[in-house]
Amino acid sequence: MLATAKELAKIKQVKIFRAGIWKPRTRPSQFEGVGSKGLDWLKRVRQETGLLTAVEVATPQHVTEAIESGVDILWIGARTVVNPFSVQEIADSLQGVDIPVMIKNPVNPDLKLWMGTIERCYRAGIRKIIAVHRGFFYFEKTPYRNAPMWEIPIELKRLIPNLPIVCDPSHICGKMELIYTIAQKALDLEMDGLMVEVHDHPEKALTDARQQITPYQLSELLTTLVIRKTSGSHEFENKLEELRREIDKLDDELISILSRRMEIVKEIGEYKKENNITILQIKRWSEIIRYRLENASRAGLDRDFLIRLFELVHKEAIQIQSEIMEKGKLPDR
């Protein structure tokens, strides 16, 4: 650990040394961290490198030990965030403590759970809170260990604009060769930092060896990443504003078109009800998808995007017609 930390301290962009000494594992036979003795190792890291230290906590006892040992930053892991009881116990133990807390997103894609942990820590008096995006479990096969689902951290940023969000490309990727792409994407989406797993000899790592890189590889990665500007010249901003006004007009048209479409859906629902016809017409739905995809191909639109869009529209149409069918139904006796 100290060997890794000393190499990381040579990289100017690295400010914090993160180490998990209590590791939640699926099975007890797996490596569960070195435990409390690792706190002394973290002290040496801080003394010999000047890096700030961070450690994962999952119980009030962890919080107490870490704070007493002089750890600079705590983080609450993805498995803990899913349990509001555990989160509340940790929040209670943080009452009156002035320490930064990083909060990873839950394993499952649930923004409310993520926000719930942030709120519990805030109510405990913690004001230095950082969200960590580490990806989400997804039942479909993807190239990643955890699907990025960028729309979720983006929505979190919209709801809590001043909340810093750090991306953990290591846990998203699961493989070191994918880390650059995700790290660059995170910066392009205005994430505020990166949490990257580093080991001086990744092949000897006791957990997650495939997603770890060496200090040298981290230095190369940080040198290669492009940090883009968040704003441009006066001319650029004027042109961008002009294009955005066009988008606003088109969005208004889309809303108007969707509104008219749903009015026709209601008419169809009433007509089906009068004639005792089922709501779902599979043949019609198949025709819609086929013809719309043909049009999308000619228009240069992405096939998967259009399918998702029409599935949402169709779901809403089914809901509207279901409500029409339910009207006037006799209550159960």
C-alpha atoms as a PDB file:
ATOM      1  CA  MET A   1       0.000   0.000   0.000  1.00  0.00           C
ATOM      2  CA  LEU A   2       2.773   2.414   0.904  1.00  0.00           C
ATOM      3  CA  ALA A   3       4.669   1.571  -2.287  1.00  0.00           C
ATOM      4  CA  THR A   4       1.587   2.421  -4.359  1.00  0.00           C
ATOM      5  CA  ALA A   5       0.947   5.623  -2.403  1.00  0.00           C
ATOM      6  CA  LYS A   6       4.509   6.874  -2.860  1.00  0.00           C
ATOM      7  CA  GLU A   7       4.254   6.462  -6.610  1.00  0.00           C
ATOM      8  CA  LEU A   8       0.854   8.177  -6.691  1.00  0.00           C
ATOM      9  CA  ALA A   9       2.211  11.131  -4.714  1.00  0.00           C
ATOM     10  CA  LYS A  10       4.508  11.882  -7.664  1.00  0.00           C
ATOM     11  CA  ILE A  11       1.457  12.528  -9.888  1.00  0.00           C
ATOM     12  CA  LYS A  12       0.378  16.149  -9.466  1.00  0.00           C
ATOM     13  CA  GLN A  13      -3.297  15.506 -10.266  1.00  0.00           C
ATOM     14  CA  VAL A  14      -3.657  12.950  -7.452  1.00  0.00           C
ATOM     15  CA  LYS A  15      -4.898  14.527  -4.222  1.00  0.00           C
ATOM     16  CA  ILE A  16      -6.536  11.675  -2.291  1.00  0.00           C
ATOM     17  CA  PHE A  17      -5.414   8.141  -1.480  1.00  0.00           C
ATOM     18  CA  ARG A  18      -8.392   5.831  -1.141  1.00  0.00           C
ATOM     19  CA  ALA A  19      -8.098   2.401   0.477  1.00  0.00           C
ATOM     20  CA  GLY A  20     -10.786  -0.105   1.445  1.00  0.00           C
ATOM     21  CA  ILE A  21      -9.739  -1.886   4.618  1.00  0.00           C
ATOM     22  CA  TRP A  22     -13.219  -3.251   5.411  1.00  0.00           C
ATOM     23  CA  LYS A  23     -14.525  -4.824   2.222  1.00  0.00           C
ATOM     24  CA  PRO A  24     -18.113  -6.111   1.928  1.00  0.00           C
ATOM     25  CA  ARG A  25     -17.859  -9.423   0.075  1.00  0.00           C
ATOM     26  CA  THR A  26     -20.552 -11.749  -1.215  1.00  0.00           C
ATOM     27  CA  ARG A  27     -19.013 -14.804   0.452  1.00  0.00           C
ATOM     28  CA  PRO A  28     -17.007 -14.997   3.696  1.00  0.00           C
ATOM     29  CA  SER A  29     -14.301 -17.051   1.986  1.00  0.00           C
ATOM     30  CA  GLN A  30     -13.368 -14.047  -0.147  1.00  0.00           C
ATOM     31  CA  PHE A  31     -10.848 -11.421   0.939  1.00  0.00           C
ATOM     32  CA  GLU A  32     -12.692  -8.993   3.236  1.00  0.00           C
ATOM     33  CA  GLY A  33      -9.897  -6.480   3.745  1.00  0.00           C
ATOM     34  CA  VAL A  34      -7.152  -6.268   6.336  1.00  0.00           C
ATOM     35  CA  GLY A  35      -9.452  -4.653   8.909  1.00  0.00           C
ATOM     36  CA  SER A  36      -8.623  -2.042  11.535  1.00  0.00           C
ATOM     37  CA  LYS A  37      -4.843  -2.509  11.358  1.00  0.00           C
ATOM     38  CA  GLY A  38      -5.040  -0.854   7.940  1.00  0.00           C
ATOM     39  CA  LEU A  39      -5.767   2.449   9.684  1.00  0.00           C
ATOM     40  CA  ASP A  40      -2.164   2.541  10.909  1.00  0.00           C
ATOM     41  CA  TRP A  41      -1.016   1.958   7.344  1.00  0.00           C
ATOM     42  CA  LEU A  42      -3.146   4.900   6.195  1.00  0.00           C
ATOM     43  CA  LYS A  43      -1.511   7.080   8.860  1.00  0.00           C
ATOM     44  CA  ARG A  44       1.877   6.254   7.367  1.00  0.00           C
ATOM     45  CA  VAL A  45       0.605   7.072   3.886  1.00  0.00           C
ATOM     46  CA  ARG A  46      -0.496  10.518   5.056  1.00  0.00           C
ATOM     47  CA  GLN A  47       2.724  11.166   6.988  1.00  0.00           C
ATOM     48  CA  GLU A  48       5.084  10.008   4.232  1.00  0.00           C
ATOM     49  CA  THR A  49       3.267  11.325   1.131  1.00  0.00           C
ATOM     50  CA  GLY A  50       1.079  14.231   2.260  1.00  0.00           C
ATOM     51  CA  LEU A  51      -1.891  12.743   0.414  1.00  0.00           C
ATOM     52  CA  LEU A  52      -5.322  12.971   2.022  1.00  0.00           C
ATOM     53  CA  THR A  53      -6.712   9.577   2.986  1.00  0.00           C
ATOM     54  CA  ALA A  54     -10.159   8.080   2.432  1.00  0.00           C
ATOM     55  CA  VAL A  55     -11.711   4.835   3.649  1.00  0.00           C
ATOM     56  CA  GLU A  56     -15.026   3.041   3.217  1.00  0.00           C
ATOM     57  CA  VAL A  57     -17.251   2.747   6.297  1.00  0.00           C
ATOM     58  CA  ALA A  58     -20.232   0.414   6.643  1.00  0.00           C
ATOM     59  CA  THR A  59     -20.969   0.562  10.392  1.00  0.00           C
ATOM     60  CA  PRO A  60     -20.907   3.172  13.180  1.00  0.00           C
ATOM     61  CA  GLN A  61     -17.879   1.348  14.610  1.00  0.00           C
ATOM     62  CA  HIS A  62     -16.012   1.882  11.336  1.00  0.00           C
ATOM     63  CA  VAL A  63     -16.867   5.594  11.500  1.00  0.00           C
ATOM     64  CA  THR A  64     -15.566   5.915  15.061  1.00  0.00           C
ATOM     65  CA  GLU A  65     -12.314   4.067  14.348  1.00  0.00           C
ATOM     66  CA  ALA A  66     -11.632   5.965  11.113  1.00  0.00           C
ATOM     67  CA  ILE A  67     -12.217   9.384  12.662  1.00  0.00           C
ATOM     68  CA  GLU A  68     -10.143   8.585  15.760  1.00  0.00           C
ATOM     69  CA  SER A  69      -7.354   7.427  13.461  1.00  0.00           C
ATOM     70  CA  GLY A  70      -7.300  10.732  11.572  1.00  0.00           C
ATOM     71  CA  VAL A  71      -8.761   9.583   8.234  1.00  0.00           C
ATOM     72  CA  ASP A  72      -9.575  12.693   6.150  1.00  0.00           C
ATOM     73  CA  ILE A  73     -12.562  11.468   4.110  1.00  0.00           C
ATOM     74  CA  LEU A  74     -15.150   8.711   4.560  1.00  0.00           C
ATOM     75  CA  TRP A  75     -17.087   6.989   1.828  1.00  0.00           C
ATOM     76  CA  ILE A  76     -20.268   4.939   1.935  1.00  0.00           C
ATOM     77  CA  GLY A  77     -20.208   2.042  -0.505  1.00  0.00           C
ATOM     78  CA  ALA A  78     -22.778   0.857  -3.030  1.00  0.00           C
ATOM     79  CA  ARG A  79     -23.882  -2.150  -0.956  1.00  0.00           C
ATOM     80  CA  THR A  80     -24.481  -0.008   2.114  1.00  0.00           C
ATOM     81  CA  VAL A  81     -26.414   2.691   0.254  1.00  0.00           C
ATOM     82  CA  VAL A  82     -29.148   0.171  -0.637  1.00  0.00           C
ATOM     83  CA  ASN A  83     -30.052  -0.266   3.059  1.00  0.00           C
ATOM     84  CA  PRO A  84     -31.647   2.848   4.633  1.00  0.00           C
ATOM     85  CA  PHE A  85     -31.327   1.320   8.135  1.00  0.00           C
ATOM     86  CA  SER A  86     -27.547   0.970   7.776  1.00  0.00           C
ATOM     87  CA  VAL A  87     -27.291   4.430   6.246  1.00  0.00           C
ATOM     88  CA  GLN A  88     -29.248   5.970   9.117  1.00  0.00           C
ATOM     89  CA  GLU A  89     -26.990   4.303  11.704  1.00  0.00           C
ATOM     90  CA  ILE A  90     -23.944   5.730   9.929  1.00  0.00           C
ATOM     91  CA  ALA A  91     -25.599   9.164   9.677  1.00  0.00           C
ATOM     92  CA  ASP A  92     -26.379   9.107  13.405  1.00  0.00           C
ATOM     93  CA  SER A  93     -22.731   8.327  14.160  1.00  0.00           C
ATOM     94  CA  LEU A  94     -21.685  11.350  12.063  1.00  0.00           C
ATOM     95  CA  GLN A  95     -23.684  13.831  14.176  1.00  0.00           C
ATOM     96  CA  GLY A  96     -21.430  16.728  15.167  1.00  0.00           C
ATOM     97  CA  VAL A  97     -18.535  15.571  12.970  1.00  0.00           C
ATOM     98  CA  ASP A  98     -17.044  17.892  10.347  1.00  0.00           C
ATOM     99  CA  ILE A  99     -15.685  15.475   7.755  1.00  0.00           C
ATOM    100  CA  PRO A 100     -16.249  15.086   3.989  1.00  0.00           C
ATOM    101  CA  VAL A 101     -18.347  12.061   3.002  1.00  0.00           C
ATOM    102  CA  MET A 102     -18.373  10.452  -0.438  1.00  0.00           C
ATOM    103  CA  ILE A 103     -21.544   8.525  -1.313  1.00  0.00           C
ATOM    104  CA  LYS A 104     -21.511   5.888  -4.024  1.00  0.00           C
ATOM    105  CA  ASN A 105     -24.625   5.165  -6.035  1.00  0.00           C
ATOM    106  CA  PRO A 106     -26.568   2.011  -5.073  1.00  0.00           C
ATOM    107  CA  VAL A 107     -25.947  -1.170  -7.071  1.00  0.00           C
ATOM    108  CA  ASN A 108     -29.438  -0.999  -8.595  1.00  0.00           C
ATOM    109  CA  PRO A 109     -30.405   2.027 -10.726  1.00  0.00           C
ATOM    110  CA  ASP A 110     -32.492   3.847  -8.114  1.00  0.00           C
ATOM    111  CA  LEU A 111     -31.912   7.592  -7.965  1.00  0.00           C
ATOM    112  CA  LYS A 112     -34.152   7.960  -4.910  1.00  0.00           C
ATOM    113  CA  LEU A 113     -31.968   5.572  -2.867  1.00  0.00           C
ATOM    114  CA  TRP A 114     -28.871   7.536  -3.830  1.00  0.00           C
ATOM    115  CA  MET A 115     -30.524  10.833  -2.924  1.00  0.00           C
ATOM    116  CA  GLY A 116     -31.876   9.318   0.299  1.00  0.00           C
ATOM    117  CA  THR A 117     -28.357   8.605   1.557  1.00  0.00           C
ATOM    118  CA  ILE A 118     -27.245  12.112   0.598  1.00  0.00           C
ATOM    119  CA  GLU A 119     -30.221  13.585   2.483  1.00  0.00           C
ATOM    120  CA  ARG A 120     -29.582  11.471   5.607  1.00  0.00           C
ATOM    121  CA  CYS A 121     -25.955  12.611   5.751  1.00  0.00           C
ATOM    122  CA  TYR A 122     -26.975  16.219   5.178  1.00  0.00           C
ATOM    123  CA  ARG A 123     -29.515  16.037   8.016  1.00  0.00           C
ATOM    124  CA  ALA A 124     -26.746  14.685  10.241  1.00  0.00           C
ATOM    125  CA  GLY A 125     -24.889  17.967   9.709  1.00  0.00           C
ATOM    126  CA  ILE A 126     -22.461  16.823   7.008  1.00  0.00           C
ATOM    127  CA  ARG A 127     -22.024  19.667   4.531  1.00  0.00           C
ATOM    128  CA  LYS A 128     -19.076  18.380   2.497  1.00  0.00           C
ATOM    129  CA  ILE A 129     -20.776  15.664   0.455  1.00  0.00           C
ATOM    130  CA  ILE A 130     -19.511  14.172  -2.804  1.00  0.00           C
ATOM    131  CA  ALA A 131     -21.510  11.726  -4.936  1.00  0.00           C
ATOM    132  CA  VAL A 132     -19.613   8.896  -6.629  1.00  0.00           C
ATOM    133  CA  HIS A 133     -20.932   7.384  -9.860  1.00  0.00           C
ATOM    134  CA  ARG A 134     -19.723   3.777 -10.066  1.00  0.00           C
ATOM    135  CA  GLY A 135     -22.290   2.371 -12.500  1.00  0.00           C
ATOM    136  CA  PHE A 136     -25.319   0.142 -11.970  1.00  0.00           C
ATOM    137  CA  PHE A 137     -26.197  -3.524 -12.195  1.00  0.00           C
ATOM    138  CA  TYR A 138     -27.996  -4.193 -15.473  1.00  0.00           C
ATOM    139  CA  PHE A 139     -29.623  -7.482 -16.440  1.00  0.00           C
ATOM    140  CA  GLU A 140     -28.703  -7.153 -20.119  1.00  0.00           C
ATOM    141  CA  LYS A 141     -25.197  -7.962 -21.286  1.00  0.00           C
ATOM    142  CA  THR A 142     -22.950  -4.925 -21.791  1.00  0.00           C
ATOM    143  CA  PRO A 143     -19.186  -4.485 -22.264  1.00  0.00           C
ATOM    144  CA  TYR A 144     -19.037  -3.140 -18.712  1.00  0.00           C
ATOM    145  CA  ARG A 145     -19.060  -4.659 -15.256  1.00  0.00           C
ATOM    146  CA  ASN A 146     -21.650  -2.042 -14.240  1.00  0.00           C
ATOM    147  CA  ALA A 147     -23.651  -0.116 -16.832  1.00  0.00           C
ATOM    148  CA  PRO A 148     -22.802   3.627 -16.761  1.00  0.00           C
ATOM    149  CA  MET A 149     -26.435   4.788 -17.203  1.00  0.00           C
ATOM    150  CA  TRP A 150     -25.202   8.386 -17.481  1.00  0.00           C
ATOM    151  CA  GLU A 151     -28.758   9.717 -17.370  1.00  0.00           C
ATOM    152  CA  ILE A 152     -28.918   8.961 -13.615  1.00  0.00           C
ATOM    153  CA  PRO A 153     -25.902  11.031 -12.436  1.00  0.00           C
ATOM    154  CA  ILE A 154     -26.924  13.737 -14.920  1.00  0.00           C
ATOM    155  CA  GLU A 155     -30.371  13.880 -13.309  1.00  0.00           C
ATOM    156  CA  LEU A 156     -28.752  13.983  -9.861  1.00  0.00           C
ATOM    157  CA  LYS A 157     -26.657  16.949 -11.016  1.00  0.00           C
ATOM    158  CA  ARG A 158     -29.814  18.665 -12.280  1.00  0.00           C
ATOM    159  CA  LEU A 159     -31.643  18.118  -8.984  1.00  0.00           C
ATOM    160  CA  ILE A 160     -28.663  19.103  -6.779  1.00  0.00           C
ATOM    161  CA  PRO A 161     -26.610  21.482  -8.972  1.00  0.00           C
ATOM    162  CA  ASN A 162     -23.933  22.282  -6.373  1.00  0.00           C
ATOM    163  CA  LEU A 163     -23.229  18.649  -5.482  1.00  0.00           C
ATOM    164  CA  PRO A 164     -19.796  17.485  -6.764  1.00  0.00           C
ATOM    165  CA  ILE A 165     -19.961  14.164  -8.626  1.00  0.00           C
ATOM    166  CA  VAL A 166     -16.900  11.973  -9.057  1.00  0.00           C
ATOM    167  CA  CYS A 167     -16.832   9.060 -11.511  1.00  0.00           C
ATOM    168  CA  ASP A 168     -15.377   5.630 -10.667  1.00  0.00           C
ATOM    169  CA  PRO A 169     -14.445   4.204 -14.098  1.00  0.00           C
ATOM    170  CA  SER A 170     -12.766   1.168 -12.512  1.00  0.00           C
ATOM    171  CA  HIS A 171     -16.023  -0.259 -11.130  1.00  0.00           C
ATOM    172  CA  ILE A 172     -17.970   0.729 -14.233  1.00  0.00           C
ATOM    173  CA  CYS A 173     -15.518  -0.972 -16.596  1.00  0.00           C
ATOM    174  CA  GLY A 174     -14.337  -4.038 -14.689  1.00  0.00           C
ATOM    175  CA  LYS A 175     -11.459  -4.191 -17.185  1.00  0.00           C
ATOM    176  CA  MET A 176      -8.524  -1.820 -17.272  1.00  0.00           C
ATOM    177  CA  GLU A 177      -8.564  -1.477 -21.081  1.00  0.00           C
ATOM    178  CA  LEU A 178     -11.963   0.283 -20.974  1.00  0.00           C
ATOM    179  CA  ILE A 179     -11.066   2.842 -18.310  1.00  0.00           C
ATOM    180  CA  TYR A 180      -9.836   5.611 -20.641  1.00  0.00           C
ATOM    181  CA  THR A 181     -13.089   5.732 -22.631  1.00  0.00           C
ATOM    182  CA  ILE A 182     -15.285   5.998 -19.525  1.00  0.00           C
ATOM    183  CA  ALA A 183     -12.946   8.488 -17.815  1.00  0.00           C
ATOM    184  CA  GLN A 184     -13.023  10.765 -20.864  1.00  0.00           C
ATOM    185  CA  LYS A 185     -16.809  10.466 -21.130  1.00  0.00           C
ATOM    186  CA  ALA A 186     -17.128  11.420 -17.456  1.00  0.00           C
ATOM    187  CA  LEU A 187     -15.067  14.577 -17.979  1.00  0.00           C
ATOM    188  CA  ASP A 188     -17.028  15.429 -21.121  1.00  0.00           C
ATOM    189  CA  LEU A 189     -20.212  15.229 -19.026  1.00  0.00           C
ATOM    190  CA  GLU A 190     -18.719  17.669 -16.491  1.00  0.00           C
ATOM    191  CA  MET A 191     -18.057  15.178 -13.701  1.00  0.00           C
ATOM    192  CA  ASP A 192     -15.858  16.783 -11.050  1.00  0.00           C
ATOM    193  CA  GLY A 193     -13.181  14.133 -10.677  1.00  0.00           C
ATOM    194  CA  LEU A 194     -12.170  10.485 -11.034  1.00  0.00           C
ATOM    195  CA  MET A 195     -11.778   7.642  -8.537  1.00  0.00           C
ATOM    196  CA  VAL A 196      -9.449   5.115 -10.173  1.00  0.00           C
ATOM    197  CA  GLU A 197      -8.192   1.828  -8.693  1.00  0.00           C
ATOM    198  CA  VAL A 198      -4.385   1.621  -8.722  1.00  0.00           C
ATOM    199  CA  HIS A 199      -1.975  -1.083  -7.520  1.00  0.00           C
ATOM    200  CA  ASP A 200       1.786  -1.251  -7.876  1.00  0.00           C
ATOM    201  CA  HIS A 201       1.380  -4.881  -9.045  1.00  0.00           C
ATOM    202  CA  PRO A 202      -2.248  -5.341 -10.228  1.00  0.00           C
ATOM    203  CA  GLU A 203      -1.711  -9.020 -10.997  1.00  0.00           C
ATOM    204  CA  LYS A 204      -1.153  -9.590  -7.256  1.00  0.00           C
ATOM    205  CA  ALA A 205      -4.227  -7.635  -6.110  1.00  0.00           C
ATOM    206  CA  LEU A 206      -6.465  -9.670  -3.801  1.00  0.00           C
ATOM    207  CA  THR A 207      -9.662  -8.155  -5.242  1.00  0.00           C
ATOM    208  CA  ASP A 208     -10.726  -6.837  -8.657  1.00  0.00           C
ATOM    209  CA  ALA A 209      -7.282  -7.324 -10.220  1.00  0.00           C
ATOM    210  CA  ARG A 210      -8.601  -6.945 -13.796  1.00  0.00           C
ATOM    211  CA  GLN A 211      -9.822  -3.401 -13.266  1.00  0.00           C
ATOM    212  CA  GLN A 212      -6.689  -2.025 -11.616  1.00  0.00           C
ATOM    213  CA  ILE A 213      -3.879  -0.125 -13.290  1.00  0.00           C
ATOM    214  CA  THR A 214      -0.356   0.760 -12.206  1.00  0.00           C
ATOM    215  CA  PRO A 215       0.680   4.243 -11.012  1.00  0.00           C
ATOM    216  CA  TYR A 216       2.549   4.693 -14.293  1.00  0.00           C
ATOM    217  CA  GLN A 217      -0.582   3.817 -16.289  1.00  0.00           C
ATOM    218  CA  LEU A 218      -2.580   6.290 -14.206  1.00  0.00           C
ATOM    219  CA  SER A 219      -0.048   9.015 -14.957  1.00  0.00           C
ATOM    220  CA  GLU A 220      -0.301   8.217 -18.688  1.00  0.00           C
ATOM    221  CA  LEU A 221      -4.111   8.194 -18.469  1.00  0.00           C
ATOM    222  CA  LEU A 222      -4.287  11.599 -16.781  1.00  0.00           C
ATOM    223  CA  THR A 223      -1.874  13.050 -19.327  1.00  0.00           C
ATOM    224  CA  THR A 224      -3.974  11.725 -22.230  1.00  0.00           C
ATOM    225  CA  LEU A 225      -7.400  12.842 -20.994  1.00  0.00           C
ATOM    226  CA  VAL A 226      -8.796  16.020 -22.552  1.00  0.00           C
ATOM    227  CA  ILE A 227     -10.346  18.534 -20.137  1.00  0.00           C
ATOM    228  CA  ARG A 228     -12.695  20.610 -22.233  1.00  0.00           C
ATOM    229  CA  LYS A 229     -13.913  24.151 -21.599  1.00  0.00           C
ATOM    230  CA  THR A 230     -17.404  24.668 -20.205  1.00  0.00           C
ATOM    231  CA  SER A 231     -17.945  27.838 -22.245  1.00  0.00           C
ATOM    232  CA  GLY A 232     -16.574  29.474 -25.400  1.00  0.00           C
ATOM    233  CA  SER A 233     -16.090  32.837 -27.090  1.00  0.00           C
ATOM    234  CA  HIS A 234     -18.822  35.474 -27.437  1.00  0.00           C
ATOM    235  CA  GLU A 235     -19.356  34.404 -31.059  1.00  0.00           C
ATOM    236  CA  PHE A 236     -19.597  30.749 -30.031  1.00  0.00           C
ATOM    237  CA  GLU A 237     -22.117  31.489 -27.267  1.00  0.00           C
ATOM    238  CA  ASN A 238     -24.300  33.515 -29.650  1.00  0.00           C
ATOM    239  CA  LYS A 239     -24.350  30.722 -32.222  1.00  0.00           C
ATOM    240  CA  LEU A 240     -25.069  28.141 -29.516  1.00  0.00           C
ATOM    241  CA  GLU A 241     -27.967  30.221 -28.209  1.00  0.00           C
ATOM    242  CA  GLU A 242     -29.385  30.495 -31.736  1.00  0.00           C
ATOM    243  CA  LEU A 243     -29.274  26.700 -32.163  1.00  0.00           C
ATOM    244  CA  ARG A 244     -30.815  26.175 -28.740  1.00  0.00           C
ATOM    245  CA  ARG A 245     -33.738  28.438 -29.684  1.00  0.00           C
ATOM    246  CA  GLU A 246     -34.327  26.179 -32.695  1.00  0.00           C
ATOM    247  CA  ILE A 247     -34.317  23.159 -30.354  1.00  0.00           C
ATOM    248  CA  ASP A 248     -36.828  24.900 -28.062  1.00  0.00           C
ATOM    249  CA  LYS A 249     -39.174  25.546 -31.008  1.00  0.00           C
ATOM    250  CA  LEU A 250     -38.939  21.930 -32.151  1.00  0.00           C
ATOM    251  CA  ASP A 251     -39.564  20.673 -28.604  1.00  0.00           C
ATOM    252  CA  ASP A 252     -42.717  22.799 -28.428  1.00  0.00           C
ATOM    253  CA  GLU A 253     -43.842  21.271 -31.727  1.00  0.00           C
ATOM    254  CA  LEU A 254     -43.103  17.768 -30.429  1.00  0.00           C
ATOM    255  CA  ILE A 255     -45.210  18.397 -27.321  1.00  0.00           C
ATOM    256  CA  SER A 256     -48.059  19.721 -29.450  1.00  0.00           C
ATOM    257  CA  ILE A 257     -47.872  16.704 -31.781  1.00  0.00           C
ATOM    258  CA  LEU A 258     -47.815  14.256 -28.842  1.00  0.00           C
ATOM    259  CA  SER A 259     -50.796  16.011 -27.308  1.00  0.00           C
ATOM    260  CA  ARG A 260     -52.791  15.676 -30.552  1.00  0.00           C
ATOM    261  CA  ARG A 261     -51.717  12.030 -30.866  1.00  0.00           C
ATOM    262  CA  MET A 262     -53.002  11.232 -27.372  1.00  0.00           C
ATOM    263  CA  GLU A 263     -56.323  12.949 -28.125  1.00  0.00           C
ATOM    264  CA  ILE A 264     -56.765  10.557 -31.061  1.00  0.00           C
ATOM    265  CA  VAL A 265     -55.734   7.661 -28.790  1.00  0.00           C
ATOM    266  CA  LYS A 266     -58.597   8.645 -26.471  1.00  0.00           C
ATOM    267  CA  GLU A 267     -61.051   8.642 -29.390  1.00  0.00           C
ATOM    268  CA  ILE A 268     -59.841   5.180 -30.407  1.00  0.00           C
ATOM    269  CA  GLY A 269     -60.237   4.001 -26.806  1.00  0.00           C
ATOM    270  CA  GLU A 270     -63.831   5.229 -26.630  1.00  0.00           C
ATOM    271  CA  TYR A 271     -64.601   3.628 -29.999  1.00  0.00           C
ATOM    272  CA  LYS A 272     -63.126   0.284 -28.882  1.00  0.00           C
ATOM    273  CA  LYS A 273     -65.141   0.410 -25.677  1.00  0.00           C
ATOM    274  CA  GLU A 274     -68.396   1.085 -27.540  1.00  0.00           C
ATOM    275  CA  ASN A 275     -67.707  -1.894 -29.801  1.00  0.00           C
ATOM    276  CA  ASN A 276     -66.339  -4.210 -27.092  1.00  0.00           C
ATOM    277  CA  ILE A 277     -62.900  -4.514 -28.754  1.00  0.00           C
ATOM    278  CA  THR A 278     -59.691  -5.395 -26.909  1.00  0.00           C
ATOM    279  CA  ILE A 279     -57.203  -2.620 -26.144  1.00  0.00           C
ATOM    280  CA  LEU A 280     -54.028  -4.252 -27.471  1.00  0.00           C
ATOM    281  CA  GLN A 281     -53.952  -4.961 -31.213  1.00  0.00           C
ATOM    282  CA  ILE A 282     -50.722  -6.880 -31.799  1.00  0.00           C
ATOM    283  CA  LYS A 283     -50.962  -6.756 -35.609  1.00  0.00           C
ATOM    284  CA  ARG A 284     -51.349  -2.980 -35.550  1.00  0.00           C
ATOM    285  CA  TRP A 285     -48.451  -2.540 -33.085  1.00  0.00           C
ATOM    286  CA  SER A 286     -46.183  -4.709 -35.281  1.00  0.00           C
ATOM    287  CA  GLU A 287     -47.095  -2.618 -38.331  1.00  0.00           C
ATOM    288  CA  ILE A 288     -46.317   0.611 -36.469  1.00  0.00           C
ATOM    289  CA  ILE A 289     -42.867  -0.614 -35.468  1.00  0.00           C
ATOM    290  CA  ARG A 290     -42.057  -1.933 -38.956  1.00  0.00           C
ATOM    291  CA  TYR A 291     -43.145   1.193 -40.847  1.00  0.00           C
ATOM    292  CA  ARG A 292     -41.630   3.618 -38.347  1.00  0.00           C
ATOM    293  CA  LEU A 293     -38.292   1.811 -38.463  1.00  0.00           C
ATOM    294  CA  GLU A 294     -38.288   2.033 -42.255  1.00  0.00           C
ATOM    295  CA  ASN A 295     -38.903   5.781 -42.007  1.00  0.00           C
ATOM    296  CA  ALA A 296     -36.236   6.114 -39.304  1.00  0.00           C
ATOM    297  CA  SER A 297     -33.684   4.387 -41.511  1.00  0.00           C
ATOM    298  CA  ARG A 298     -34.406   6.795 -44.370  1.00  0.00           C
ATOM    299  CA  ALA A 299     -34.184   9.754 -41.976  1.00  0.00           C
ATOM    300  CA  GLY A 300     -30.862   8.582 -40.514  1.00  0.00           C
ATOM    301  CA  LEU A 301     -32.265   7.999 -36.999  1.00  0.00           C
ATOM    302  CA  ASP A 302     -30.914   5.329 -34.677  1.00  0.00           C
ATOM    303  CA  ARG A 303     -33.092   2.205 -34.720  1.00  0.00           C
ATOM    304  CA  ASP A 304     -32.791   1.400 -30.980  1.00  0.00           C
ATOM    305  CA  PHE A 305     -33.552   4.999 -30.010  1.00  0.00           C
ATOM    306  CA  LEU A 306     -36.748   5.005 -32.093  1.00  0.00           C
ATOM    307  CA  ILE A 307     -37.891   1.663 -30.661  1.00  0.00           C
ATOM    308  CA  ARG A 308     -37.448   2.959 -27.097  1.00  0.00           C
ATOM    309  CA  LEU A 309     -39.290   6.163 -27.995  1.00  0.00           C
ATOM    310  CA  PHE A 310     -42.278   4.385 -29.537  1.00  0.00           C
ATOM    311  CA  GLU A 311     -42.409   1.863 -26.698  1.00  0.00           C
ATOM    312  CA  LEU A 312     -42.856   4.797 -24.287  1.00  0.00           C
ATOM    313  CA  VAL A 313     -45.526   6.376 -26.470  1.00  0.00           C
ATOM    314  CA  HIS A 314     -47.307   3.028 -26.880  1.00  0.00           C
ATOM    315  CA  LYS A 315     -47.179   2.351 -23.146  1.00  0.00           C
ATOM    316  CA  GLU A 316     -48.859   5.707 -22.477  1.00  0.00           C
ATOM    317  CA  ALA A 317     -51.496   4.985 -25.133  1.00  0.00           C
ATOM    318  CA  ILE A 318     -52.283   1.611 -23.562  1.00  0.00           C
ATOM    319  CA  GLN A 319     -52.588   3.271 -20.148  1.00  0.00           C
ATOM    320  CA  ILE A 320     -55.005   5.908 -21.490  1.00  0.00           C
ATOM    321  CA  GLN A 321     -57.196   3.316 -23.185  1.00  0.00           C
ATOM    322  CA  SER A 322     -57.143   1.077 -20.092  1.00  0.00           C
ATOM    323  CA  GLU A 323     -58.483   3.959 -17.998  1.00  0.00           C
ATOM    324  CA  ILE A 324     -61.239   4.536 -20.559  1.00  0.00           C
ATOM    325  CA  MET A 325     -62.217   0.853 -20.387  1.00  0.00           C
ATOM    326  CA  GLU A 326     -62.332   1.011 -16.576  1.00  0.00           C
ATOM    327  CA  LYS A 327     -64.748   3.968 -16.523  1.00  0.00           C
ATOM    328  CA  GLY A 328     -68.256   2.993 -15.542  1.00  0.00           C
ATOM    329  CA  LYS A 329     -67.182  -0.467 -14.416  1.00  0.00           C
ATOM    330  CA  LEU A 330     -69.253  -1.784 -11.520  1.00  0.00           C
ATOM    331  CA  PRO A 331     -67.323  -1.905  -8.209  1.00  0.00           C
ATOM    332  CA  ASP A 332     -66.517  -5.329  -6.732  1.00  0.00           C
ATOM    333  CA  ARG A 333     -69.090  -6.553  -4.246  1.00  0.00           C
END
